[in-house]
PDB file of N, CA and C in Angstrom:
ATOM      1  N   MET A   1      40.047   3.243 -79.779  1.00  0.00           N
ATOM      2  CA  MET A   1      39.726   1.939 -79.229  1.00  0.00           C
ATOM      3  C   MET A   1      38.988   2.134 -77.910  1.00  0.00           C
ATOM      4  N   ALA A   2      37.859   1.527 -77.800  1.00  0.00           N
ATOM      5  CA  ALA A   2      37.045   1.673 -76.589  1.00  0.00           C
ATOM      6  C   ALA A   2      37.528   0.720 -75.506  1.00  0.00           C
ATOM      7  N   TYR A   3      37.443   1.159 -74.295  1.00  0.00           N
ATOM      8  CA  TYR A   3      37.782   0.319 -73.152  1.00  0.00           C
ATOM      9  C   TYR A   3      36.490  -0.023 -72.450  1.00  0.00           C
ATOM     10  N   GLU A   4      36.120  -1.300 -72.522  1.00  0.00           N
ATOM     11  CA  GLU A   4      34.835  -1.716 -71.995  1.00  0.00           C
ATOM     12  C   GLU A   4      34.855  -1.874 -70.487  1.00  0.00           C
ATOM     13  N   LYS A   5      35.978  -2.360 -69.986  1.00  0.00           N
ATOM     14  CA  LYS A   5      36.086  -2.581 -68.548  1.00  0.00           C
ATOM     15  C   LYS A   5      37.436  -2.074 -68.085  1.00  0.00           C
ATOM     16  N   ILE A   6      37.517  -1.789 -66.827  1.00  0.00           N
ATOM     17  CA  ILE A   6      38.756  -1.249 -66.281  1.00  0.00           C
ATOM     18  C   ILE A   6      39.006  -1.906 -64.932  1.00  0.00           C
ATOM     19  N   PRO A   7      40.246  -2.307 -64.653  1.00  0.00           N
ATOM     20  CA  PRO A   7      40.517  -2.874 -63.338  1.00  0.00           C
ATOM     21  C   PRO A   7      40.803  -1.773 -62.318  1.00  0.00           C
ATOM     22  N   ILE A   8      40.163  -1.851 -61.172  1.00  0.00           N
ATOM     23  CA  ILE A   8      40.405  -0.903 -60.080  1.00  0.00           C
ATOM     24  C   ILE A   8      41.147  -1.681 -59.006  1.00  0.00           C
ATOM     25  N   TYR A   9      42.340  -1.236 -58.641  1.00  0.00           N
ATOM     26  CA  TYR A   9      43.166  -1.951 -57.673  1.00  0.00           C
ATOM     27  C   TYR A   9      43.002  -1.349 -56.290  1.00  0.00           C
ATOM     28  N   GLY A  10      42.693  -2.180 -55.322  1.00  0.00           N
ATOM     29  CA  GLY A  10      42.537  -1.720 -53.955  1.00  0.00           C
ATOM     30  C   GLY A  10      43.842  -1.799 -53.186  1.00  0.00           C
ATOM     31  N   ALA A  11      43.939  -1.044 -52.112  1.00  0.00           N
ATOM     32  CA  ALA A  11      45.142  -1.032 -51.287  1.00  0.00           C
ATOM     33  C   ALA A  11      45.419  -2.401 -50.683  1.00  0.00           C
ATOM     34  N   ASP A  12      44.373  -3.210 -50.516  1.00  0.00           N
ATOM     35  CA  ASP A  12      44.556  -4.534 -49.920  1.00  0.00           C
ATOM     36  C   ASP A  12      44.891  -5.595 -50.961  1.00  0.00           C
ATOM     37  N   GLY A  13      45.130  -5.182 -52.195  1.00  0.00           N
ATOM     38  CA  GLY A  13      45.504  -6.128 -53.233  1.00  0.00           C
ATOM     39  C   GLY A  13      44.337  -6.692 -54.021  1.00  0.00           C
ATOM     40  N   THR A  14      43.116  -6.307 -53.660  1.00  0.00           N
ATOM     41  CA  THR A  14      41.957  -6.803 -54.395  1.00  0.00           C
ATOM     42  C   THR A  14      41.800  -6.033 -55.705  1.00  0.00           C
ATOM     43  N   THR A  15      41.143  -6.653 -56.642  1.00  0.00           N
ATOM     44  CA  THR A  15      40.870  -6.020 -57.925  1.00  0.00           C
ATOM     45  C   THR A  15      39.378  -6.061 -58.178  1.00  0.00           C
ATOM     46  N   LEU A  16      38.834  -4.933 -58.564  1.00  0.00           N
ATOM     47  CA  LEU A  16      37.422  -4.846 -58.905  1.00  0.00           C
ATOM     48  C   LEU A  16      37.331  -4.413 -60.356  1.00  0.00           C
ATOM     49  N   GLU A  17      36.604  -5.166 -61.157  1.00  0.00           N
ATOM     50  CA  GLU A  17      36.464  -4.840 -62.567  1.00  0.00           C
ATOM     51  C   GLU A  17      35.258  -3.925 -62.743  1.00  0.00           C
ATOM     52  N   MET A  18      35.471  -2.778 -63.327  1.00  0.00           N
ATOM     53  CA  MET A  18      34.398  -1.816 -63.500  1.00  0.00           C
ATOM     54  C   MET A  18      33.999  -1.750 -64.969  1.00  0.00           C
ATOM     55  N   ASP A  19      32.716  -1.773 -65.228  1.00  0.00           N
ATOM     56  CA  ASP A  19      32.206  -1.620 -66.583  1.00  0.00           C
ATOM     57  C   ASP A  19      32.024  -0.129 -66.849  1.00  0.00           C
ATOM     58  N   VAL A  20      32.770   0.394 -67.811  1.00  0.00           N
ATOM     59  CA  VAL A  20      32.799   1.830 -68.057  1.00  0.00           C
ATOM     60  C   VAL A  20      31.428   2.358 -68.489  1.00  0.00           C
ATOM     61  N   ALA A  21      30.750   1.636 -69.364  1.00  0.00           N
ATOM     62  CA  ALA A  21      29.429   2.087 -69.819  1.00  0.00           C
ATOM     63  C   ALA A  21      28.445   2.160 -68.656  1.00  0.00           C
ATOM     64  N   GLU A  22      28.490   1.169 -67.772  1.00  0.00           N
ATOM     65  CA  GLU A  22      27.600   1.181 -66.609  1.00  0.00           C
ATOM     66  C   GLU A  22      27.917   2.352 -65.692  1.00  0.00           C
ATOM     67  N   LEU A  23      29.197   2.639 -65.533  1.00  0.00           N
ATOM     68  CA  LEU A  23      29.589   3.768 -64.685  1.00  0.00           C
ATOM     69  C   LEU A  23      29.094   5.088 -65.276  1.00  0.00           C
ATOM     70  N   ARG A  24      29.236   5.251 -66.581  1.00  0.00           N
ATOM     71  CA  ARG A  24      28.763   6.483 -67.221  1.00  0.00           C
ATOM     72  C   ARG A  24      27.253   6.639 -67.037  1.00  0.00           C
ATOM     73  N   THR A  25      26.521   5.541 -67.241  1.00  0.00           N
ATOM     74  CA  THR A  25      25.067   5.578 -67.076  1.00  0.00           C
ATOM     75  C   THR A  25      24.699   5.921 -65.640  1.00  0.00           C
ATOM     76  N   ALA A  26      25.371   5.275 -64.695  1.00  0.00           N
ATOM     77  CA  ALA A  26      25.102   5.539 -63.279  1.00  0.00           C
ATOM     78  C   ALA A  26      25.381   6.999 -62.941  1.00  0.00           C
ATOM     79  N   GLN A  27      26.460   7.539 -63.494  1.00  0.00           N
ATOM     80  CA  GLN A  27      26.783   8.938 -63.218  1.00  0.00           C
ATOM     81  C   GLN A  27      25.724   9.868 -63.807  1.00  0.00           C
ATOM     82  N   GLN A  28      25.303   9.592 -65.040  1.00  0.00           N
ATOM     83  CA  GLN A  28      24.297  10.438 -65.684  1.00  0.00           C
ATOM     84  C   GLN A  28      22.983  10.434 -64.908  1.00  0.00           C
ATOM     85  N   LYS A  29      22.685   9.324 -64.253  1.00  0.00           N
ATOM     86  CA  LYS A  29      21.447   9.216 -63.478  1.00  0.00           C
ATOM     87  C   LYS A  29      21.640   9.653 -62.025  1.00  0.00           C
ATOM     88  N   GLY A  30      22.829  10.174 -61.716  1.00  0.00           N
ATOM     89  CA  GLY A  30      23.090  10.668 -60.371  1.00  0.00           C
ATOM     90  C   GLY A  30      23.292   9.581 -59.328  1.00  0.00           C
ATOM     91  N   ARG A  31      23.702   8.397 -59.756  1.00  0.00           N
ATOM     92  CA  ARG A  31      23.853   7.289 -58.816  1.00  0.00           C
ATOM     93  C   ARG A  31      25.275   7.120 -58.283  1.00  0.00           C
ATOM     94  N   LEU A  32      26.219   7.880 -58.816  1.00  0.00           N
ATOM     95  CA  LEU A  32      27.582   7.795 -58.291  1.00  0.00           C
ATOM     96  C   LEU A  32      27.755   8.911 -57.268  1.00  0.00           C
ATOM     97  N   ASP A  33      27.813   8.540 -56.017  1.00  0.00           N
ATOM     98  CA  ASP A  33      27.945   9.569 -54.988  1.00  0.00           C
ATOM     99  C   ASP A  33      29.411   9.958 -54.813  1.00  0.00           C
ATOM    100  N   ASP A  34      29.640  10.909 -53.935  1.00  0.00           N
ATOM    101  CA  ASP A  34      30.998  11.394 -53.713  1.00  0.00           C
ATOM    102  C   ASP A  34      31.927  10.303 -53.215  1.00  0.00           C
ATOM    103  N   SER A  35      31.386   9.314 -52.523  1.00  0.00           N
ATOM    104  CA  SER A  35      32.258   8.261 -51.997  1.00  0.00           C
ATOM    105  C   SER A  35      32.895   7.461 -53.131  1.00  0.00           C
ATOM    106  N   PHE A  36      32.186   7.288 -54.248  1.00  0.00           N
ATOM    107  CA  PHE A  36      32.793   6.585 -55.382  1.00  0.00           C
ATOM    108  C   PHE A  36      33.978   7.378 -55.913  1.00  0.00           C
ATOM    109  N   ARG A  37      33.779   8.686 -56.062  1.00  0.00           N
ATOM    110  CA  ARG A  37      34.868   9.539 -56.557  1.00  0.00           C
ATOM    111  C   ARG A  37      36.064   9.485 -55.607  1.00  0.00           C
ATOM    112  N   VAL A  38      35.797   9.539 -54.330  1.00  0.00           N
ATOM    113  CA  VAL A  38      36.869   9.482 -53.333  1.00  0.00           C
ATOM    114  C   VAL A  38      37.588   8.133 -53.399  1.00  0.00           C
ATOM    115  N   ASN A  39      36.827   7.042 -53.506  1.00  0.00           N
ATOM    116  CA  ASN A  39      37.443   5.715 -53.577  1.00  0.00           C
ATOM    117  C   ASN A  39      38.276   5.550 -54.840  1.00  0.00           C
ATOM    118  N   LEU A  40      37.780   6.043 -55.959  1.00  0.00           N
ATOM    119  CA  LEU A  40      38.538   5.974 -57.203  1.00  0.00           C
ATOM    120  C   LEU A  40      39.812   6.797 -57.081  1.00  0.00           C
ATOM    121  N   PHE A  41      39.697   7.986 -56.516  1.00  0.00           N
ATOM    122  CA  PHE A  41      40.866   8.838 -56.315  1.00  0.00           C
ATOM    123  C   PHE A  41      41.904   8.140 -55.435  1.00  0.00           C
ATOM    124  N   HIS A  42      41.452   7.536 -54.325  1.00  0.00           N
ATOM    125  CA  HIS A  42      42.391   6.855 -53.431  1.00  0.00           C
ATOM    126  C   HIS A  42      43.022   5.640 -54.107  1.00  0.00           C
ATOM    127  N   SER A  43      42.276   4.969 -54.965  1.00  0.00           N
ATOM    128  CA  SER A  43      42.835   3.850 -55.706  1.00  0.00           C
ATOM    129  C   SER A  43      43.945   4.326 -56.641  1.00  0.00           C
ATOM    130  N   ILE A  44      43.736   5.473 -57.276  1.00  0.00           N
ATOM    131  CA  ILE A  44      44.771   6.051 -58.135  1.00  0.00           C
ATOM    132  C   ILE A  44      46.005   6.392 -57.309  1.00  0.00           C
ATOM    133  N   MET A  45      45.796   7.035 -56.178  1.00  0.00           N
ATOM    134  CA  MET A  45      46.929   7.436 -55.346  1.00  0.00           C
ATOM    135  C   MET A  45      47.677   6.220 -54.798  1.00  0.00           C
ATOM    136  N   GLU A  46      46.945   5.172 -54.417  1.00  0.00           N
ATOM    137  CA  GLU A  46      47.581   3.958 -53.906  1.00  0.00           C
ATOM    138  C   GLU A  46      48.412   3.291 -54.997  1.00  0.00           C
ATOM    139  N   THR A  47      47.870   3.228 -56.201  1.00  0.00           N
ATOM    140  CA  THR A  47      48.616   2.622 -57.300  1.00  0.00           C
ATOM    141  C   THR A  47      49.820   3.480 -57.648  1.00  0.00           C
ATOM    142  N   ASN A  48      49.643   4.786 -57.637  1.00  0.00           N
ATOM    143  CA  ASN A  48      50.737   5.716 -57.892  1.00  0.00           C
ATOM    144  C   ASN A  48      51.850   5.522 -56.857  1.00  0.00           C
ATOM    145  N   ARG A  49      51.466   5.371 -55.589  1.00  0.00           N
ATOM    146  CA  ARG A  49      52.445   5.148 -54.523  1.00  0.00           C
ATOM    147  C   ARG A  49      53.195   3.844 -54.744  1.00  0.00           C
ATOM    148  N   LEU A  50      52.461   2.797 -55.092  1.00  0.00           N
ATOM    149  CA  LEU A  50      53.076   1.496 -55.332  1.00  0.00           C
ATOM    150  C   LEU A  50      54.126   1.596 -56.431  1.00  0.00           C
ATOM    151  N   VAL A  51      53.787   2.284 -57.500  1.00  0.00           N
ATOM    152  CA  VAL A  51      54.711   2.411 -58.621  1.00  0.00           C
ATOM    153  C   VAL A  51      55.960   3.181 -58.206  1.00  0.00           C
ATOM    154  N   ARG A  52      55.781   4.243 -57.435  1.00  0.00           N
ATOM    155  CA  ARG A  52      56.930   5.052 -56.997  1.00  0.00           C
ATOM    156  C   ARG A  52      57.809   4.314 -56.005  1.00  0.00           C
ATOM    157  N   GLU A  53      57.191   3.576 -55.081  1.00  0.00           N
ATOM    158  CA  GLU A  53      57.945   3.018 -53.964  1.00  0.00           C
ATOM    159  C   GLU A  53      58.383   1.575 -54.162  1.00  0.00           C
ATOM    160  N   GLU A  54      57.752   0.858 -55.081  1.00  0.00           N
ATOM    161  CA  GLU A  54      58.059  -0.564 -55.241  1.00  0.00           C
ATOM    162  C   GLU A  54      59.460  -0.730 -55.828  1.00  0.00           C
ATOM    163  N   PRO A  55      60.358  -1.429 -55.124  1.00  0.00           N
ATOM    164  CA  PRO A  55      61.732  -1.540 -55.601  1.00  0.00           C
ATOM    165  C   PRO A  55      61.882  -2.449 -56.821  1.00  0.00           C
ATOM    166  N   SER A  56      60.966  -3.353 -57.011  1.00  0.00           N
ATOM    167  CA  SER A  56      61.132  -4.342 -58.067  1.00  0.00           C
ATOM    168  C   SER A  56      60.056  -4.196 -59.137  1.00  0.00           C
ATOM    169  N   ARG A  57      60.484  -3.924 -60.350  1.00  0.00           N
ATOM    170  CA  ARG A  57      59.523  -3.818 -61.458  1.00  0.00           C
ATOM    171  C   ARG A  57      58.759  -5.133 -61.629  1.00  0.00           C
ATOM    172  N   ARG A  58      59.429  -6.242 -61.352  1.00  0.00           N
ATOM    173  CA  ARG A  58      58.773  -7.548 -61.449  1.00  0.00           C
ATOM    174  C   ARG A  58      57.595  -7.631 -60.482  1.00  0.00           C
ATOM    175  N   GLU A  59      57.791  -7.116 -59.272  1.00  0.00           N
ATOM    176  CA  GLU A  59      56.717  -7.131 -58.276  1.00  0.00           C
ATOM    177  C   GLU A  59      55.567  -6.226 -58.720  1.00  0.00           C
ATOM    178  N   ILE A  60      55.882  -5.094 -59.304  1.00  0.00           N
ATOM    179  CA  ILE A  60      54.834  -4.217 -59.824  1.00  0.00           C
ATOM    180  C   ILE A  60      54.014  -4.970 -60.860  1.00  0.00           C
ATOM    181  N   LYS A  61      54.707  -5.623 -61.779  1.00  0.00           N
ATOM    182  CA  LYS A  61      53.999  -6.343 -62.835  1.00  0.00           C
ATOM    183  C   LYS A  61      53.130  -7.447 -62.249  1.00  0.00           C
ATOM    184  N   LYS A  62      53.650  -8.122 -61.235  1.00  0.00           N
ATOM    185  CA  LYS A  62      52.883  -9.205 -60.611  1.00  0.00           C
ATOM    186  C   LYS A  62      51.616  -8.651 -59.967  1.00  0.00           C
ATOM    187  N   ARG A  63      51.738  -7.552 -59.275  1.00  0.00           N
ATOM    188  CA  ARG A  63      50.597  -6.989 -58.559  1.00  0.00           C
ATOM    189  C   ARG A  63      49.614  -6.294 -59.489  1.00  0.00           C
ATOM    190  N   LEU A  64      50.060  -5.928 -60.663  1.00  0.00           N
ATOM    191  CA  LEU A  64      49.169  -5.265 -61.609  1.00  0.00           C
ATOM    192  C   LEU A  64      48.745  -6.234 -62.709  1.00  0.00           C
ATOM    193  N   ALA A  65      48.396  -7.429 -62.306  1.00  0.00           N
ATOM    194  CA  ALA A  65      47.793  -8.435 -63.189  1.00  0.00           C
ATOM    195  C   ALA A  65      48.668  -8.798 -64.376  1.00  0.00           C
ATOM    196  N   GLY A  66      49.980  -8.768 -64.178  1.00  0.00           N
ATOM    197  CA  GLY A  66      50.881  -9.224 -65.226  1.00  0.00           C
ATOM    198  C   GLY A  66      51.058  -8.268 -66.383  1.00  0.00           C
ATOM    199  N   THR A  67      50.622  -7.040 -66.228  1.00  0.00           N
ATOM    200  CA  THR A  67      50.783  -6.074 -67.311  1.00  0.00           C
ATOM    201  C   THR A  67      51.933  -5.140 -66.983  1.00  0.00           C
ATOM    202  N   THR A  68      52.412  -4.459 -67.987  1.00  0.00           N
ATOM    203  CA  THR A  68      53.348  -3.372 -67.724  1.00  0.00           C
ATOM    204  C   THR A  68      52.548  -2.081 -67.727  1.00  0.00           C
ATOM    205  N   LEU A  69      53.029  -1.098 -67.042  1.00  0.00           N
ATOM    206  CA  LEU A  69      52.275   0.144 -66.902  1.00  0.00           C
ATOM    207  C   LEU A  69      52.047   0.787 -68.257  1.00  0.00           C
ATOM    208  N   GLY A  70      50.818   1.159 -68.515  1.00  0.00           N
ATOM    209  CA  GLY A  70      50.475   1.812 -69.758  1.00  0.00           C
ATOM    210  C   GLY A  70      50.145   0.861 -70.890  1.00  0.00           C
ATOM    211  N   ASP A  71      50.406  -0.431 -70.712  1.00  0.00           N
ATOM    212  CA  ASP A  71      50.096  -1.396 -71.763  1.00  0.00           C
ATOM    213  C   ASP A  71      48.602  -1.583 -71.915  1.00  0.00           C
ATOM    214  N   GLU A  72      48.206  -1.869 -73.131  1.00  0.00           N
ATOM    215  CA  GLU A  72      46.857  -2.337 -73.380  1.00  0.00           C
ATOM    216  C   GLU A  72      46.950  -3.851 -73.415  1.00  0.00           C
ATOM    217  N   PHE A  73      45.951  -4.520 -72.908  1.00  0.00           N
ATOM    218  CA  PHE A  73      45.987  -5.970 -72.949  1.00  0.00           C
ATOM    219  C   PHE A  73      44.586  -6.508 -73.131  1.00  0.00           C
ATOM    220  N   GLU A  74      44.498  -7.743 -73.576  1.00  0.00           N
ATOM    221  CA  GLU A  74      43.213  -8.348 -73.870  1.00  0.00           C
ATOM    222  C   GLU A  74      43.038  -9.609 -73.053  1.00  0.00           C
ATOM    223  N   VAL A  75      41.810  -9.878 -72.683  1.00  0.00           N
ATOM    224  CA  VAL A  75      41.454 -11.134 -72.040  1.00  0.00           C
ATOM    225  C   VAL A  75      40.481 -11.842 -72.968  1.00  0.00           C
ATOM    226  N   HIS A  76      40.832 -13.049 -73.355  1.00  0.00           N
ATOM    227  CA  HIS A  76      40.002 -13.821 -74.276  1.00  0.00           C
ATOM    228  C   HIS A  76      39.216 -14.862 -73.490  1.00  0.00           C
ATOM    229  N   THR A  77      37.905 -14.804 -73.575  1.00  0.00           N
ATOM    230  CA  THR A  77      37.057 -15.825 -72.961  1.00  0.00           C
ATOM    231  C   THR A  77      36.018 -16.240 -73.982  1.00  0.00           C
ATOM    232  N   ASP A  78      35.983 -17.523 -74.288  1.00  0.00           N
ATOM    233  CA  ASP A  78      35.076 -18.055 -75.307  1.00  0.00           C
ATOM    234  C   ASP A  78      35.225 -17.240 -76.592  1.00  0.00           C
ATOM    235  N   ASP A  79      34.146 -16.623 -77.045  1.00  0.00           N
ATOM    236  CA  ASP A  79      34.206 -15.853 -78.291  1.00  0.00           C
ATOM    237  C   ASP A  79      34.332 -14.356 -78.037  1.00  0.00           C
ATOM    238  N   GLN A  80      34.578 -13.990 -76.805  1.00  0.00           N
ATOM    239  CA  GLN A  80      34.598 -12.574 -76.455  1.00  0.00           C
ATOM    240  C   GLN A  80      36.019 -12.119 -76.151  1.00  0.00           C
ATOM    241  N   ILE A  81      36.343 -10.935 -76.617  1.00  0.00           N
ATOM    242  CA  ILE A  81      37.619 -10.313 -76.279  1.00  0.00           C
ATOM    243  C   ILE A  81      37.298  -9.024 -75.533  1.00  0.00           C
ATOM    244  N   THR A  82      37.805  -8.906 -74.323  1.00  0.00           N
ATOM    245  CA  THR A  82      37.605  -7.690 -73.542  1.00  0.00           C
ATOM    246  C   THR A  82      38.934  -6.955 -73.457  1.00  0.00           C
ATOM    247  N   ARG A  83      38.919  -5.682 -73.818  1.00  0.00           N
ATOM    248  CA  ARG A  83      40.143  -4.888 -73.777  1.00  0.00           C
ATOM    249  C   ARG A  83      40.203  -4.114 -72.466  1.00  0.00           C
ATOM    250  N   TYR A  84      41.398  -4.017 -71.944  1.00  0.00           N
ATOM    251  CA  TYR A  84      41.624  -3.286 -70.703  1.00  0.00           C
ATOM    252  C   TYR A  84      42.739  -2.282 -70.935  1.00  0.00           C
ATOM    253  N   ARG A  85      42.784  -1.307 -70.092  1.00  0.00           N
ATOM    254  CA  ARG A  85      43.942  -0.428 -70.021  1.00  0.00           C
ATOM    255  C   ARG A  85      44.537  -0.663 -68.643  1.00  0.00           C
ATOM    256  N   ALA A  86      45.823  -0.796 -68.573  1.00  0.00           N
ATOM    257  CA  ALA A  86      46.459  -1.237 -67.340  1.00  0.00           C
ATOM    258  C   ALA A  86      46.496  -0.147 -66.277  1.00  0.00           C
ATOM    259  N   SER A  87      46.136  -0.523 -65.119  1.00  0.00           N
ATOM    260  CA  SER A  87      46.383   0.142 -63.858  1.00  0.00           C
ATOM    261  C   SER A  87      46.325   1.659 -63.836  1.00  0.00           C
ATOM    262  N   LEU A  88      47.446   2.279 -63.527  1.00  0.00           N
ATOM    263  CA  LEU A  88      47.479   3.697 -63.188  1.00  0.00           C
ATOM    264  C   LEU A  88      46.898   4.574 -64.295  1.00  0.00           C
ATOM    265  N   GLU A  89      47.353   4.357 -65.514  1.00  0.00           N
ATOM    266  CA  GLU A  89      46.839   5.150 -66.622  1.00  0.00           C
ATOM    267  C   GLU A  89      45.351   4.889 -66.815  1.00  0.00           C
ATOM    268  N   GLY A  90      44.955   3.640 -66.623  1.00  0.00           N
ATOM    269  CA  GLY A  90      43.546   3.292 -66.767  1.00  0.00           C
ATOM    270  C   GLY A  90      42.676   3.959 -65.727  1.00  0.00           C
ATOM    271  N   LEU A  91      43.148   3.981 -64.502  1.00  0.00           N
ATOM    272  CA  LEU A  91      42.390   4.623 -63.432  1.00  0.00           C
ATOM    273  C   LEU A  91      42.257   6.119 -63.686  1.00  0.00           C
ATOM    274  N   ALA A  92      43.354   6.741 -64.089  1.00  0.00           N
ATOM    275  CA  ALA A  92      43.322   8.177 -64.365  1.00  0.00           C
ATOM    276  C   ALA A  92      42.420   8.470 -65.561  1.00  0.00           C
ATOM    277  N   TRP A  93      42.482   7.592 -66.560  1.00  0.00           N
ATOM    278  CA  TRP A  93      41.612   7.749 -67.726  1.00  0.00           C
ATOM    279  C   TRP A  93      40.144   7.681 -67.315  1.00  0.00           C
ATOM    280  N   LEU A  94      39.801   6.699 -66.480  1.00  0.00           N
ATOM    281  CA  LEU A  94      38.419   6.553 -66.043  1.00  0.00           C
ATOM    282  C   LEU A  94      37.977   7.777 -65.236  1.00  0.00           C
ATOM    283  N   TYR A  95      38.833   8.233 -64.334  1.00  0.00           N
ATOM    284  CA  TYR A  95      38.523   9.416 -63.525  1.00  0.00           C
ATOM    285  C   TYR A  95      38.249  10.606 -64.444  1.00  0.00           C
ATOM    286  N   ASN A  96      39.113  10.779 -65.435  1.00  0.00           N
ATOM    287  CA  ASN A  96      38.959  11.886 -66.373  1.00  0.00           C
ATOM    288  C   ASN A  96      37.684  11.736 -67.197  1.00  0.00           C
ATOM    289  N   GLU A  97      37.366  10.503 -67.608  1.00  0.00           N
ATOM    290  CA  GLU A  97      36.135  10.259 -68.366  1.00  0.00           C
ATOM    291  C   GLU A  97      34.901  10.647 -67.545  1.00  0.00           C
ATOM    292  N   LEU A  98      34.907  10.290 -66.270  1.00  0.00           N
ATOM    293  CA  LEU A  98      33.737  10.532 -65.434  1.00  0.00           C
ATOM    294  C   LEU A  98      33.655  11.965 -64.921  1.00  0.00           C
ATOM    295  N   TYR A  99      34.788  12.531 -64.577  1.00  0.00           N
ATOM    296  CA  TYR A  99      34.769  13.833 -63.891  1.00  0.00           C
ATOM    297  C   TYR A  99      35.390  14.960 -64.712  1.00  0.00           C
ATOM    298  N   LYS A 100      35.868  14.640 -65.904  1.00  0.00           N
ATOM    299  CA  LYS A 100      36.425  15.637 -66.832  1.00  0.00           C
ATOM    300  C   LYS A 100      37.551  16.450 -66.216  1.00  0.00           C
ATOM    301  N   GLU A 101      38.371  15.777 -65.426  1.00  0.00           N
ATOM    302  CA  GLU A 101      39.565  16.420 -64.883  1.00  0.00           C
ATOM    303  C   GLU A 101      40.602  15.350 -64.574  1.00  0.00           C
ATOM    304  N   ILE A 102      41.847  15.753 -64.606  1.00  0.00           N
ATOM    305  CA  ILE A 102      42.926  14.856 -64.200  1.00  0.00           C
ATOM    306  C   ILE A 102      42.871  14.772 -62.678  1.00  0.00           C
ATOM    307  N   PRO A 103      43.040  13.580 -62.116  1.00  0.00           N
ATOM    308  CA  PRO A 103      42.988  13.479 -60.656  1.00  0.00           C
ATOM    309  C   PRO A 103      44.034  14.375 -59.996  1.00  0.00           C
ATOM    310  N   PRO A 104      43.639  15.143 -58.995  1.00  0.00           N
ATOM    311  CA  PRO A 104      44.606  15.983 -58.286  1.00  0.00           C
ATOM    312  C   PRO A 104      45.747  15.130 -57.737  1.00  0.00           C
ATOM    313  N   GLY A 105      46.974  15.565 -57.954  1.00  0.00           N
ATOM    314  CA  GLY A 105      48.127  14.843 -57.429  1.00  0.00           C
ATOM    315  C   GLY A 105      48.606  13.711 -58.307  1.00  0.00           C
ATOM    316  N   PHE A 106      47.953  13.459 -59.434  1.00  0.00           N
ATOM    317  CA  PHE A 106      48.364  12.362 -60.311  1.00  0.00           C
ATOM    318  C   PHE A 106      49.654  12.734 -61.012  1.00  0.00           C
ATOM    319  N   THR A 107      50.649  11.857 -60.922  1.00  0.00           N
ATOM    320  CA  THR A 107      51.949  12.157 -61.513  1.00  0.00           C
ATOM    321  C   THR A 107      52.330  11.180 -62.612  1.00  0.00           C
ATOM    322  N   GLY A 108      51.400  10.342 -63.042  1.00  0.00           N
ATOM    323  CA  GLY A 108      51.696   9.321 -64.052  1.00  0.00           C
ATOM    324  C   GLY A 108      51.871   9.902 -65.433  1.00  0.00           C
TER     325      GLY A 108
END
């Protein structure tokens, strides 16, 4: 199952939706600089920290767009269904897709 978009969670609680195909194309054309890799890595670490330190699973679910960790979920808009992979696993998956390695320090 292909994942068309992936949510990237920021430390400030913001969410940025990334189009995986666009990211792959940008990387192939050399448009993803080291700062993108660093930001993606820090997003993984921040989400990893949240999961480890958050006392309430309910709060984790609330902050991770109502999903449970590792769940696949769909967003239906008009005639389109977009599939996502939730949070930590999704971020690590994207990192691995782009850089062909598991993020250093990832414990998910």
